[in-house]
Structures are given as C-alpha cells and as structure tokens.
Amino acid sequence: MLTVFMEYKVIPETLQSYEAEMPSVISELKNLGAADIQWYRAADQPSLYVECFNVRDNELYQSIKENRTSSEHPVFSKLFPFLSGGAEKIHCWAFEKMNVKEEL
C-alpha cells in the first residue's frame, strides 16, 4: 500500500471553476483504484491544494500519475487550465508507511 500526495497551485481567478471540477476528479480517482481520497487547501496559501489517497502498489501509482498529467485524459485534463503552470506543475509523490518500534 502506498500513500500518494499530489500538490499544485491553482490560478486564484479560477478557484471557483477548479473546485467545481473536483467532484468528477475524485470520482475518476476512485474508478481508477484510489482509496481513502482526501482533498486539502493550504491554510496559509489559499491557492495551494493537495490531494492524498492510497493505492495498492507502485504500478497503480504510476498509472494514475501518468493519467493525471495526460492532455488525453477526458476528466483530469479539464483541470489543466486552472493550474498555475499547467499539468507540468503537478507535483506527485508516493510514500510507503513506516512503522516505529517503541522501546519500553
């Protein structure tokens, strides 16, 4: 299981349009296999957004990452006009959960 973070800035003048598209983006992420999807706006930078979700493996992560930046994707590409710098400025990371061993 991997936890994925996608971070990007939205052009301030397009925030309303961007937010109106996000339900379809979240629905498409679910269709592709993402789980536990969360969507955040930075408290100190109102145009900075982060999506966080879980995927089963690196293969699914790579597939979603590729789709999110593809101008051919019918849902995800609708966001590109709202993003500062377009699809090239979508920052994406996948993390493996680490368990801390507690000492007694």
PDB file of N, CA and C in Angstrom:
ATOM      1  N   MET A   1       0.847  -1.180   0.000  1.00  0.00           N
ATOM      2  CA  MET A   1       0.000   0.000   0.000  1.00  0.00           C
ATOM      3  C   MET A   1       0.894   1.245   0.000  1.00  0.00           C
ATOM      4  N   LEU A   2       0.562   2.178  -0.876  1.00  0.00           N
ATOM      5  CA  LEU A   2       1.280   3.450  -0.963  1.00  0.00           C
ATOM      6  C   LEU A   2       0.307   4.595  -0.706  1.00  0.00           C
ATOM      7  N   THR A   3       0.794   5.642  -0.064  1.00  0.00           N
ATOM      8  CA  THR A   3       0.024   6.867   0.090  1.00  0.00           C
ATOM      9  C   THR A   3       0.572   7.879  -0.895  1.00  0.00           C
ATOM     10  N   VAL A   4      -0.307   8.440  -1.697  1.00  0.00           N
ATOM     11  CA  VAL A   4       0.078   9.368  -2.760  1.00  0.00           C
ATOM     12  C   VAL A   4      -0.339  10.780  -2.377  1.00  0.00           C
ATOM     13  N   PHE A   5       0.567  11.727  -2.638  1.00  0.00           N
ATOM     14  CA  PHE A   5       0.277  13.145  -2.462  1.00  0.00           C
ATOM     15  C   PHE A   5       0.460  13.834  -3.803  1.00  0.00           C
ATOM     16  N   MET A   6      -0.534  14.606  -4.204  1.00  0.00           N
ATOM     17  CA  MET A   6      -0.442  15.436  -5.402  1.00  0.00           C
ATOM     18  C   MET A   6      -0.639  16.873  -4.951  1.00  0.00           C
ATOM     19  N   GLU A   7       0.297  17.719  -5.340  1.00  0.00           N
ATOM     20  CA  GLU A   7       0.276  19.112  -4.888  1.00  0.00           C
ATOM     21  C   GLU A   7       0.425  20.023  -6.088  1.00  0.00           C
ATOM     22  N   TYR A   8      -0.332  21.122  -6.082  1.00  0.00           N
ATOM     23  CA  TYR A   8      -0.288  22.076  -7.193  1.00  0.00           C
ATOM     24  C   TYR A   8      -0.926  23.384  -6.750  1.00  0.00           C
ATOM     25  N   LYS A   9      -0.641  24.435  -7.508  1.00  0.00           N
ATOM     26  CA  LYS A   9      -1.246  25.742  -7.256  1.00  0.00           C
ATOM     27  C   LYS A   9      -2.305  26.010  -8.307  1.00  0.00           C
ATOM     28  N   VAL A  10      -3.386  26.594  -7.847  1.00  0.00           N
ATOM     29  CA  VAL A  10      -4.489  26.957  -8.733  1.00  0.00           C
ATOM     30  C   VAL A  10      -4.421  28.466  -8.975  1.00  0.00           C
ATOM     31  N   ILE A  11      -4.680  28.865 -10.199  1.00  0.00           N
ATOM     32  CA  ILE A  11      -4.720  30.291 -10.529  1.00  0.00           C
ATOM     33  C   ILE A  11      -5.861  30.904  -9.722  1.00  0.00           C
ATOM     34  N   PRO A  12      -5.571  31.923  -8.897  1.00  0.00           N
ATOM     35  CA  PRO A  12      -6.597  32.462  -7.986  1.00  0.00           C
ATOM     36  C   PRO A  12      -7.916  32.829  -8.662  1.00  0.00           C
ATOM     37  N   GLU A  13      -7.860  33.366  -9.859  1.00  0.00           N
ATOM     38  CA  GLU A  13      -9.083  33.791 -10.550  1.00  0.00           C
ATOM     39  C   GLU A  13      -9.944  32.605 -11.010  1.00  0.00           C
ATOM     40  N   THR A  14      -9.389  31.397 -10.957  1.00  0.00           N
ATOM     41  CA  THR A  14     -10.126  30.218 -11.437  1.00  0.00           C
ATOM     42  C   THR A  14     -10.527  29.267 -10.305  1.00  0.00           C
ATOM     43  N   LEU A  15     -10.385  29.703  -9.059  1.00  0.00           N
ATOM     44  CA  LEU A  15     -10.656  28.811  -7.924  1.00  0.00           C
ATOM     45  C   LEU A  15     -12.058  28.207  -7.965  1.00  0.00           C
ATOM     46  N   GLN A  16     -13.053  29.013  -8.270  1.00  0.00           N
ATOM     47  CA  GLN A  16     -14.430  28.516  -8.276  1.00  0.00           C
ATOM     48  C   GLN A  16     -14.619  27.440  -9.350  1.00  0.00           C
ATOM     49  N   SER A  17     -14.088  27.669 -10.529  1.00  0.00           N
ATOM     50  CA  SER A  17     -14.197  26.682 -11.611  1.00  0.00           C
ATOM     51  C   SER A  17     -13.430  25.411 -11.266  1.00  0.00           C
ATOM     52  N   TYR A  18     -12.237  25.582 -10.700  1.00  0.00           N
ATOM     53  CA  TYR A  18     -11.431  24.433 -10.285  1.00  0.00           C
ATOM     54  C   TYR A  18     -12.200  23.582  -9.272  1.00  0.00           C
ATOM     55  N   GLU A  19     -12.722  24.233  -8.233  1.00  0.00           N
ATOM     56  CA  GLU A  19     -13.425  23.490  -7.187  1.00  0.00           C
ATOM     57  C   GLU A  19     -14.679  22.807  -7.733  1.00  0.00           C
ATOM     58  N   ALA A  20     -15.313  23.398  -8.741  1.00  0.00           N
ATOM     59  CA  ALA A  20     -16.495  22.778  -9.351  1.00  0.00           C
ATOM     60  C   ALA A  20     -16.137  21.499 -10.109  1.00  0.00           C
ATOM     61  N   GLU A  21     -14.903  21.384 -10.605  1.00  0.00           N
ATOM     62  CA  GLU A  21     -14.459  20.187 -11.345  1.00  0.00           C
ATOM     63  C   GLU A  21     -13.998  19.056 -10.429  1.00  0.00           C
ATOM     64  N   MET A  22     -13.645  19.380  -9.193  1.00  0.00           N
ATOM     65  CA  MET A  22     -13.031  18.369  -8.331  1.00  0.00           C
ATOM     66  C   MET A  22     -13.913  17.167  -7.992  1.00  0.00           C
ATOM     67  N   PRO A  23     -15.226  17.285  -7.858  1.00  0.00           N
ATOM     68  CA  PRO A  23     -16.005  16.056  -7.609  1.00  0.00           C
ATOM     69  C   PRO A  23     -15.830  15.015  -8.724  1.00  0.00           C
ATOM     70  N   SER A  24     -15.754  15.451  -9.975  1.00  0.00           N
ATOM     71  CA  SER A  24     -15.555  14.479 -11.059  1.00  0.00           C
ATOM     72  C   SER A  24     -14.135  13.915 -11.028  1.00  0.00           C
ATOM     73  N   VAL A  25     -13.158  14.717 -10.618  1.00  0.00           N
ATOM     74  CA  VAL A  25     -11.778  14.239 -10.485  1.00  0.00           C
ATOM     75  C   VAL A  25     -11.701  13.172  -9.394  1.00  0.00           C
ATOM     76  N   ILE A  26     -12.325  13.435  -8.263  1.00  0.00           N
ATOM     77  CA  ILE A  26     -12.307  12.478  -7.154  1.00  0.00           C
ATOM     78  C   ILE A  26     -13.024  11.185  -7.554  1.00  0.00           C
ATOM     79  N   SER A  27     -14.127  11.322  -8.256  1.00  0.00           N
ATOM     80  CA  SER A  27     -14.849  10.146  -8.740  1.00  0.00           C
ATOM     81  C   SER A  27     -13.982   9.321  -9.690  1.00  0.00           C
ATOM     82  N   GLU A  28     -13.253   9.993 -10.566  1.00  0.00           N
ATOM     83  CA  GLU A  28     -12.377   9.284 -11.505  1.00  0.00           C
ATOM     84  C   GLU A  28     -11.225   8.600 -10.777  1.00  0.00           C
ATOM     85  N   LEU A  29     -10.674   9.237  -9.760  1.00  0.00           N
ATOM     86  CA  LEU A  29      -9.622   8.593  -8.959  1.00  0.00           C
ATOM     87  C   LEU A  29     -10.143   7.296  -8.355  1.00  0.00           C
ATOM     88  N   LYS A  30     -11.371   7.329  -7.826  1.00  0.00           N
ATOM     89  CA  LYS A  30     -11.983   6.114  -7.266  1.00  0.00           C
ATOM     90  C   LYS A  30     -12.127   5.050  -8.338  1.00  0.00           C
ATOM     91  N   ASN A  31     -12.575   5.454  -9.519  1.00  0.00           N
ATOM     92  CA  ASN A  31     -12.750   4.495 -10.625  1.00  0.00           C
ATOM     93  C   ASN A  31     -11.434   3.832 -11.007  1.00  0.00           C
ATOM     94  N   LEU A  32     -10.330   4.566 -10.867  1.00  0.00           N
ATOM     95  CA  LEU A  32      -9.019   4.027 -11.235  1.00  0.00           C
ATOM     96  C   LEU A  32      -8.392   3.172 -10.136  1.00  0.00           C
ATOM     97  N   GLY A  33      -9.002   3.169  -8.938  1.00  0.00           N
ATOM     98  CA  GLY A  33      -8.496   2.314  -7.866  1.00  0.00           C
ATOM     99  C   GLY A  33      -7.946   3.038  -6.661  1.00  0.00           C
ATOM    100  N   ALA A  34      -8.010   4.364  -6.627  1.00  0.00           N
ATOM    101  CA  ALA A  34      -7.555   5.111  -5.449  1.00  0.00           C
ATOM    102  C   ALA A  34      -8.569   4.934  -4.317  1.00  0.00           C
ATOM    103  N   ALA A  35      -8.075   4.915  -3.090  1.00  0.00           N
ATOM    104  CA  ALA A  35      -8.941   4.754  -1.915  1.00  0.00           C
ATOM    105  C   ALA A  35      -8.586   5.813  -0.868  1.00  0.00           C
ATOM    106  N   ASP A  36      -9.505   6.038   0.051  1.00  0.00           N
ATOM    107  CA  ASP A  36      -9.296   6.989   1.155  1.00  0.00           C
ATOM    108  C   ASP A  36      -8.860   8.354   0.632  1.00  0.00           C
ATOM    109  N   ILE A  37      -9.564   8.867  -0.352  1.00  0.00           N
ATOM    110  CA  ILE A  37      -9.190  10.118  -1.008  1.00  0.00           C
ATOM    111  C   ILE A  37      -9.534  11.299  -0.104  1.00  0.00           C
ATOM    112  N   GLN A  38      -8.555  12.176   0.055  1.00  0.00           N
ATOM    113  CA  GLN A  38      -8.737  13.405   0.829  1.00  0.00           C
ATOM    114  C   GLN A  38      -8.248  14.569  -0.022  1.00  0.00           C
ATOM    115  N   TRP A  39      -8.879  15.722   0.173  1.00  0.00           N
ATOM    116  CA  TRP A  39      -8.574  16.906  -0.629  1.00  0.00           C
ATOM    117  C   TRP A  39      -8.393  18.072   0.322  1.00  0.00           C
ATOM    118  N   TYR A  40      -7.257  18.769   0.203  1.00  0.00           N
ATOM    119  CA  TYR A  40      -6.910  19.842   1.133  1.00  0.00           C
ATOM    120  C   TYR A  40      -6.587  21.144   0.398  1.00  0.00           C
ATOM    121  N   ARG A  41      -6.888  22.244   1.078  1.00  0.00           N
ATOM    122  CA  ARG A  41      -6.429  23.569   0.647  1.00  0.00           C
ATOM    123  C   ARG A  41      -5.534  24.076   1.755  1.00  0.00           C
ATOM    124  N   ALA A  42      -4.380  24.620   1.387  1.00  0.00           N
ATOM    125  CA  ALA A  42      -3.430  25.119   2.384  1.00  0.00           C
ATOM    126  C   ALA A  42      -4.054  26.276   3.168  1.00  0.00           C
ATOM    127  N   ALA A  43      -3.897  26.238   4.473  1.00  0.00           N
ATOM    128  CA  ALA A  43      -4.464  27.280   5.339  1.00  0.00           C
ATOM    129  C   ALA A  43      -3.772  28.622   5.136  1.00  0.00           C
ATOM    130  N   ASP A  44      -2.494  28.590   4.810  1.00  0.00           N
ATOM    131  CA  ASP A  44      -1.738  29.838   4.673  1.00  0.00           C
ATOM    132  C   ASP A  44      -1.462  30.235   3.227  1.00  0.00           C
ATOM    133  N   GLN A  45      -1.876  29.405   2.270  1.00  0.00           N
ATOM    134  CA  GLN A  45      -1.732  29.701   0.843  1.00  0.00           C
ATOM    135  C   GLN A  45      -3.012  29.241   0.141  1.00  0.00           C
ATOM    136  N   PRO A  46      -4.026  30.091   0.072  1.00  0.00           N
ATOM    137  CA  PRO A  46      -5.341  29.667  -0.407  1.00  0.00           C
ATOM    138  C   PRO A  46      -5.369  29.057  -1.813  1.00  0.00           C
ATOM    139  N   SER A  47      -4.366  29.278  -2.621  1.00  0.00           N
ATOM    140  CA  SER A  47      -4.397  28.697  -3.967  1.00  0.00           C
ATOM    141  C   SER A  47      -3.570  27.415  -4.073  1.00  0.00           C
ATOM    142  N   LEU A  48      -3.059  26.915  -2.960  1.00  0.00           N
ATOM    143  CA  LEU A  48      -2.279  25.682  -2.939  1.00  0.00           C
ATOM    144  C   LEU A  48      -3.169  24.531  -2.471  1.00  0.00           C
ATOM    145  N   TYR A  49      -3.233  23.482  -3.278  1.00  0.00           N
ATOM    146  CA  TYR A  49      -4.084  22.321  -2.967  1.00  0.00           C
ATOM    147  C   TYR A  49      -3.261  21.050  -2.947  1.00  0.00           C
ATOM    148  N   VAL A  50      -3.723  20.096  -2.143  1.00  0.00           N
ATOM    149  CA  VAL A  50      -3.100  18.773  -2.059  1.00  0.00           C
ATOM    150  C   VAL A  50      -4.204  17.729  -2.070  1.00  0.00           C
ATOM    151  N   GLU A  51      -3.984  16.713  -2.856  1.00  0.00           N
ATOM    152  CA  GLU A  51      -4.835  15.531  -2.821  1.00  0.00           C
ATOM    153  C   GLU A  51      -4.008  14.409  -2.207  1.00  0.00           C
ATOM    154  N   CYS A  52      -4.650  13.611  -1.393  1.00  0.00           N
ATOM    155  CA  CYS A  52      -3.976  12.494  -0.726  1.00  0.00           C
ATOM    156  C   CYS A  52      -4.872  11.271  -0.876  1.00  0.00           C
ATOM    157  N   PHE A  53      -4.273  10.157  -1.268  1.00  0.00           N
ATOM    158  CA  PHE A  53      -5.049   8.928  -1.403  1.00  0.00           C
ATOM    159  C   PHE A  53      -4.120   7.728  -1.348  1.00  0.00           C
ATOM    160  N   ASN A  54      -4.724   6.561  -1.187  1.00  0.00           N
ATOM    161  CA  ASN A  54      -3.964   5.315  -1.121  1.00  0.00           C
ATOM    162  C   ASN A  54      -4.163   4.506  -2.394  1.00  0.00           C
ATOM    163  N   VAL A  55      -3.097   3.826  -2.793  1.00  0.00           N
ATOM    164  CA  VAL A  55      -3.150   2.890  -3.922  1.00  0.00           C
ATOM    165  C   VAL A  55      -2.495   1.582  -3.486  1.00  0.00           C
ATOM    166  N   ARG A  56      -2.855   0.509  -4.181  1.00  0.00           N
ATOM    167  CA  ARG A  56      -2.386  -0.817  -3.754  1.00  0.00           C
ATOM    168  C   ARG A  56      -0.907  -1.072  -4.030  1.00  0.00           C
ATOM    169  N   ASP A  57      -0.356  -0.439  -5.121  1.00  0.00           N
ATOM    170  CA  ASP A  57       1.025  -0.737  -5.480  1.00  0.00           C
ATOM    171  C   ASP A  57       1.611   0.357  -6.374  1.00  0.00           C
ATOM    172  N   ASN A  58       2.880   0.225  -6.680  1.00  0.00           N
ATOM    173  CA  ASN A  58       3.589   1.216  -7.489  1.00  0.00           C
ATOM    174  C   ASN A  58       3.046   1.264  -8.919  1.00  0.00           C
ATOM    175  N   GLU A  59       2.603   0.137  -9.429  1.00  0.00           N
ATOM    176  CA  GLU A  59       2.055   0.103 -10.785  1.00  0.00           C
ATOM    177  C   GLU A  59       0.821   1.005 -10.903  1.00  0.00           C
ATOM    178  N   LEU A  60      -0.067   0.907  -9.930  1.00  0.00           N
ATOM    179  CA  LEU A  60      -1.267   1.755  -9.945  1.00  0.00           C
ATOM    180  C   LEU A  60      -0.885   3.216  -9.741  1.00  0.00           C
ATOM    181  N   TYR A  61       0.071   3.482  -8.857  1.00  0.00           N
ATOM    182  CA  TYR A  61       0.554   4.851  -8.655  1.00  0.00           C
ATOM    183  C   TYR A  61       1.053   5.446  -9.968  1.00  0.00           C
ATOM    184  N   GLN A  62       1.897   4.707 -10.679  1.00  0.00           N
ATOM    185  CA  GLN A  62       2.453   5.207 -11.939  1.00  0.00           C
ATOM    186  C   GLN A  62       1.358   5.451 -12.976  1.00  0.00           C
ATOM    187  N   SER A  63       0.377   4.570 -13.015  1.00  0.00           N
ATOM    188  CA  SER A  63      -0.725   4.716 -13.953  1.00  0.00           C
ATOM    189  C   SER A  63      -1.544   5.981 -13.660  1.00  0.00           C
ATOM    190  N   ILE A  64      -1.882   6.187 -12.397  1.00  0.00           N
ATOM    191  CA  ILE A  64      -2.645   7.389 -12.022  1.00  0.00           C
ATOM    192  C   ILE A  64      -1.820   8.644 -12.275  1.00  0.00           C
ATOM    193  N   LYS A  65      -0.549   8.605 -11.933  1.00  0.00           N
ATOM    194  CA  LYS A  65       0.328   9.757 -12.148  1.00  0.00           C
ATOM    195  C   LYS A  65       0.379  10.118 -13.640  1.00  0.00           C
ATOM    196  N   GLU A  66       0.498   9.113 -14.482  1.00  0.00           N
ATOM    197  CA  GLU A  66       0.543   9.351 -15.926  1.00  0.00           C
ATOM    198  C   GLU A  66      -0.783   9.940 -16.426  1.00  0.00           C
ATOM    199  N   ASN A  67      -1.882   9.376 -15.953  1.00  0.00           N
ATOM    200  CA  ASN A  67      -3.193   9.874 -16.362  1.00  0.00           C
ATOM    201  C   ASN A  67      -3.440  11.312 -15.899  1.00  0.00           C
ATOM    202  N   ARG A  68      -2.965  11.644 -14.703  1.00  0.00           N
ATOM    203  CA  ARG A  68      -3.201  12.984 -14.164  1.00  0.00           C
ATOM    204  C   ARG A  68      -2.516  14.079 -14.969  1.00  0.00           C
ATOM    205  N   THR A  69      -1.468  13.727 -15.665  1.00  0.00           N
ATOM    206  CA  THR A  69      -0.721  14.730 -16.437  1.00  0.00           C
ATOM    207  C   THR A  69      -0.928  14.580 -17.941  1.00  0.00           C
ATOM    208  N   SER A  70      -1.883  13.726 -18.337  1.00  0.00           N
ATOM    209  CA  SER A  70      -2.122  13.485 -19.760  1.00  0.00           C
ATOM    210  C   SER A  70      -3.190  14.424 -20.311  1.00  0.00           C
ATOM    211  N   SER A  71      -2.845  15.123 -21.372  1.00  0.00           N
ATOM    212  CA  SER A  71      -3.824  16.002 -22.023  1.00  0.00           C
ATOM    213  C   SER A  71      -4.910  15.190 -22.722  1.00  0.00           C
ATOM    214  N   GLU A  72      -4.692  13.880 -22.850  1.00  0.00           N
ATOM    215  CA  GLU A  72      -5.666  12.990 -23.488  1.00  0.00           C
ATOM    216  C   GLU A  72      -6.747  12.514 -22.523  1.00  0.00           C
ATOM    217  N   HIS A  73      -6.509  12.652 -21.221  1.00  0.00           N
ATOM    218  CA  HIS A  73      -7.483  12.133 -20.259  1.00  0.00           C
ATOM    219  C   HIS A  73      -8.705  13.052 -20.211  1.00  0.00           C
ATOM    220  N   PRO A  74      -9.915  12.490 -20.423  1.00  0.00           N
ATOM    221  CA  PRO A  74     -11.112  13.324 -20.534  1.00  0.00           C
ATOM    222  C   PRO A  74     -11.535  14.043 -19.244  1.00  0.00           C
ATOM    223  N   VAL A  75     -11.169  13.523 -18.090  1.00  0.00           N
ATOM    224  CA  VAL A  75     -11.551  14.159 -16.826  1.00  0.00           C
ATOM    225  C   VAL A  75     -10.411  15.012 -16.278  1.00  0.00           C
ATOM    226  N   PHE A  76      -9.243  14.414 -16.107  1.00  0.00           N
ATOM    227  CA  PHE A  76      -8.129  15.117 -15.466  1.00  0.00           C
ATOM    228  C   PHE A  76      -7.655  16.327 -16.267  1.00  0.00           C
ATOM    229  N   SER A  77      -7.712  16.245 -17.582  1.00  0.00           N
ATOM    230  CA  SER A  77      -7.228  17.363 -18.406  1.00  0.00           C
ATOM    231  C   SER A  77      -8.094  18.618 -18.263  1.00  0.00           C
ATOM    232  N   LYS A  78      -9.300  18.461 -17.757  1.00  0.00           N
ATOM    233  CA  LYS A  78     -10.171  19.632 -17.542  1.00  0.00           C
ATOM    234  C   LYS A  78      -9.615  20.566 -16.474  1.00  0.00           C
ATOM    235  N   LEU A  79      -8.746  20.046 -15.612  1.00  0.00           N
ATOM    236  CA  LEU A  79      -8.152  20.880 -14.557  1.00  0.00           C
ATOM    237  C   LEU A  79      -7.006  21.755 -15.063  1.00  0.00           C
ATOM    238  N   PHE A  80      -6.350  21.344 -16.125  1.00  0.00           N
ATOM    239  CA  PHE A  80      -5.114  21.994 -16.557  1.00  0.00           C
ATOM    240  C   PHE A  80      -5.230  23.506 -16.747  1.00  0.00           C
ATOM    241  N   PRO A  81      -6.331  24.031 -17.325  1.00  0.00           N
ATOM    242  CA  PRO A  81      -6.419  25.488 -17.485  1.00  0.00           C
ATOM    243  C   PRO A  81      -6.466  26.251 -16.162  1.00  0.00           C
ATOM    244  N   PHE A  82      -6.797  25.568 -15.070  1.00  0.00           N
ATOM    245  CA  PHE A  82      -6.912  26.222 -13.767  1.00  0.00           C
ATOM    246  C   PHE A  82      -5.609  26.183 -12.966  1.00  0.00           C
ATOM    247  N   LEU A  83      -4.664  25.373 -13.407  1.00  0.00           N
ATOM    248  CA  LEU A  83      -3.434  25.167 -12.633  1.00  0.00           C
ATOM    249  C   LEU A  83      -2.344  26.129 -13.065  1.00  0.00           C
ATOM    250  N   SER A  84      -1.719  26.730 -12.100  1.00  0.00           N
ATOM    251  CA  SER A  84      -0.602  27.626 -12.367  1.00  0.00           C
ATOM    252  C   SER A  84       0.553  26.805 -12.932  1.00  0.00           C
ATOM    253  N   GLY A  85       0.875  27.005 -14.201  1.00  0.00           N
ATOM    254  CA  GLY A  85       1.920  26.225 -14.848  1.00  0.00           C
ATOM    255  C   GLY A  85       1.404  24.983 -15.553  1.00  0.00           C
ATOM    256  N   GLY A  86       0.105  24.724 -15.474  1.00  0.00           N
ATOM    257  CA  GLY A  86      -0.476  23.586 -16.165  1.00  0.00           C
ATOM    258  C   GLY A  86      -0.072  22.253 -15.562  1.00  0.00           C
ATOM    259  N   ALA A  87      -0.254  21.199 -16.334  1.00  0.00           N
ATOM    260  CA  ALA A  87      -0.002  19.829 -15.865  1.00  0.00           C
ATOM    261  C   ALA A  87       1.445  19.615 -15.433  1.00  0.00           C
ATOM    262  N   GLU A  88       2.364  20.366 -16.034  1.00  0.00           N
ATOM    263  CA  GLU A  88       3.783  20.200 -15.699  1.00  0.00           C
ATOM    264  C   GLU A  88       4.084  20.575 -14.252  1.00  0.00           C
ATOM    265  N   LYS A  89       3.193  21.328 -13.622  1.00  0.00           N
ATOM    266  CA  LYS A  89       3.422  21.780 -12.252  1.00  0.00           C
ATOM    267  C   LYS A  89       2.664  20.962 -11.216  1.00  0.00           C
ATOM    268  N   ILE A  90       2.131  19.809 -11.636  1.00  0.00           N
ATOM    269  CA  ILE A  90       1.533  18.897 -10.665  1.00  0.00           C
ATOM    270  C   ILE A  90       2.671  18.086 -10.054  1.00  0.00           C
ATOM    271  N   HIS A  91       2.881  18.268  -8.761  1.00  0.00           N
ATOM    272  CA  HIS A  91       3.936  17.538  -8.053  1.00  0.00           C
ATOM    273  C   HIS A  91       3.312  16.312  -7.413  1.00  0.00           C
ATOM    274  N   CYS A  92       3.942  15.172  -7.606  1.00  0.00           N
ATOM    275  CA  CYS A  92       3.358  13.911  -7.184  1.00  0.00           C
ATOM    276  C   CYS A  92       4.402  13.051  -6.482  1.00  0.00           C
ATOM    277  N   TRP A  93       4.007  12.512  -5.320  1.00  0.00           N
ATOM    278  CA  TRP A  93       4.902  11.643  -4.557  1.00  0.00           C
ATOM    279  C   TRP A  93       4.120  10.463  -4.014  1.00  0.00           C
ATOM    280  N   ALA A  94       4.782   9.333  -3.899  1.00  0.00           N
ATOM    281  CA  ALA A  94       4.195   8.156  -3.265  1.00  0.00           C
ATOM    282  C   ALA A  94       5.076   7.742  -2.091  1.00  0.00           C
ATOM    283  N   PHE A  95       4.437   7.400  -0.979  1.00  0.00           N
ATOM    284  CA  PHE A  95       5.165   7.050   0.236  1.00  0.00           C
ATOM    285  C   PHE A  95       4.715   5.697   0.760  1.00  0.00           C
ATOM    286  N   GLU A  96       5.675   4.970   1.293  1.00  0.00           N
ATOM    287  CA  GLU A  96       5.386   3.732   1.999  1.00  0.00           C
ATOM    288  C   GLU A  96       5.330   4.038   3.487  1.00  0.00           C
ATOM    289  N   LYS A  97       4.348   3.487   4.171  1.00  0.00           N
ATOM    290  CA  LYS A  97       4.214   3.724   5.605  1.00  0.00           C
ATOM    291  C   LYS A  97       5.310   2.986   6.369  1.00  0.00           C
ATOM    292  N   MET A  98       5.920   3.694   7.275  1.00  0.00           N
ATOM    293  CA  MET A  98       6.957   3.111   8.125  1.00  0.00           C
ATOM    294  C   MET A  98       6.378   2.903   9.520  1.00  0.00           C
ATOM    295  N   ASN A  99       6.735   1.821  10.130  1.00  0.00           N
ATOM    296  CA  ASN A  99       6.287   1.548  11.497  1.00  0.00           C
ATOM    297  C   ASN A  99       7.428   1.810  12.458  1.00  0.00           C
ATOM    298  N   VAL A 100       7.131   2.547  13.490  1.00  0.00           N
ATOM    299  CA  VAL A 100       8.115   2.864  14.506  1.00  0.00           C
ATOM    300  C   VAL A 100       8.026   1.819  15.606  1.00  0.00           C
ATOM    301  N   LYS A 101       9.180   1.255  15.935  1.00  0.00           N
ATOM    302  CA  LYS A 101       9.215   0.292  17.043  1.00  0.00           C
ATOM    303  C   LYS A 101       9.395   1.084  18.332  1.00  0.00           C
ATOM    304  N   GLU A 102       8.466   0.887  19.234  1.00  0.00           N
ATOM    305  CA  GLU A 102       8.545   1.609  20.510  1.00  0.00           C
ATOM    306  C   GLU A 102       9.421   0.834  21.482  1.00  0.00           C
ATOM    307  N   GLU A 103      10.265   1.585  22.152  1.00  0.00           N
ATOM    308  CA  GLU A 103      11.119   0.960  23.176  1.00  0.00           C
ATOM    309  C   GLU A 103      10.450   1.076  24.526  1.00  0.00           C
ATOM    310  N   LEU A 104      10.535   0.029  25.286  1.00  0.00           N
ATOM    311  CA  LEU A 104       9.933   0.033  26.638  1.00  0.00           C
ATOM    312  C   LEU A 104      10.895   0.545  27.661  1.00  0.00           C
TER     313      LEU A 104
END
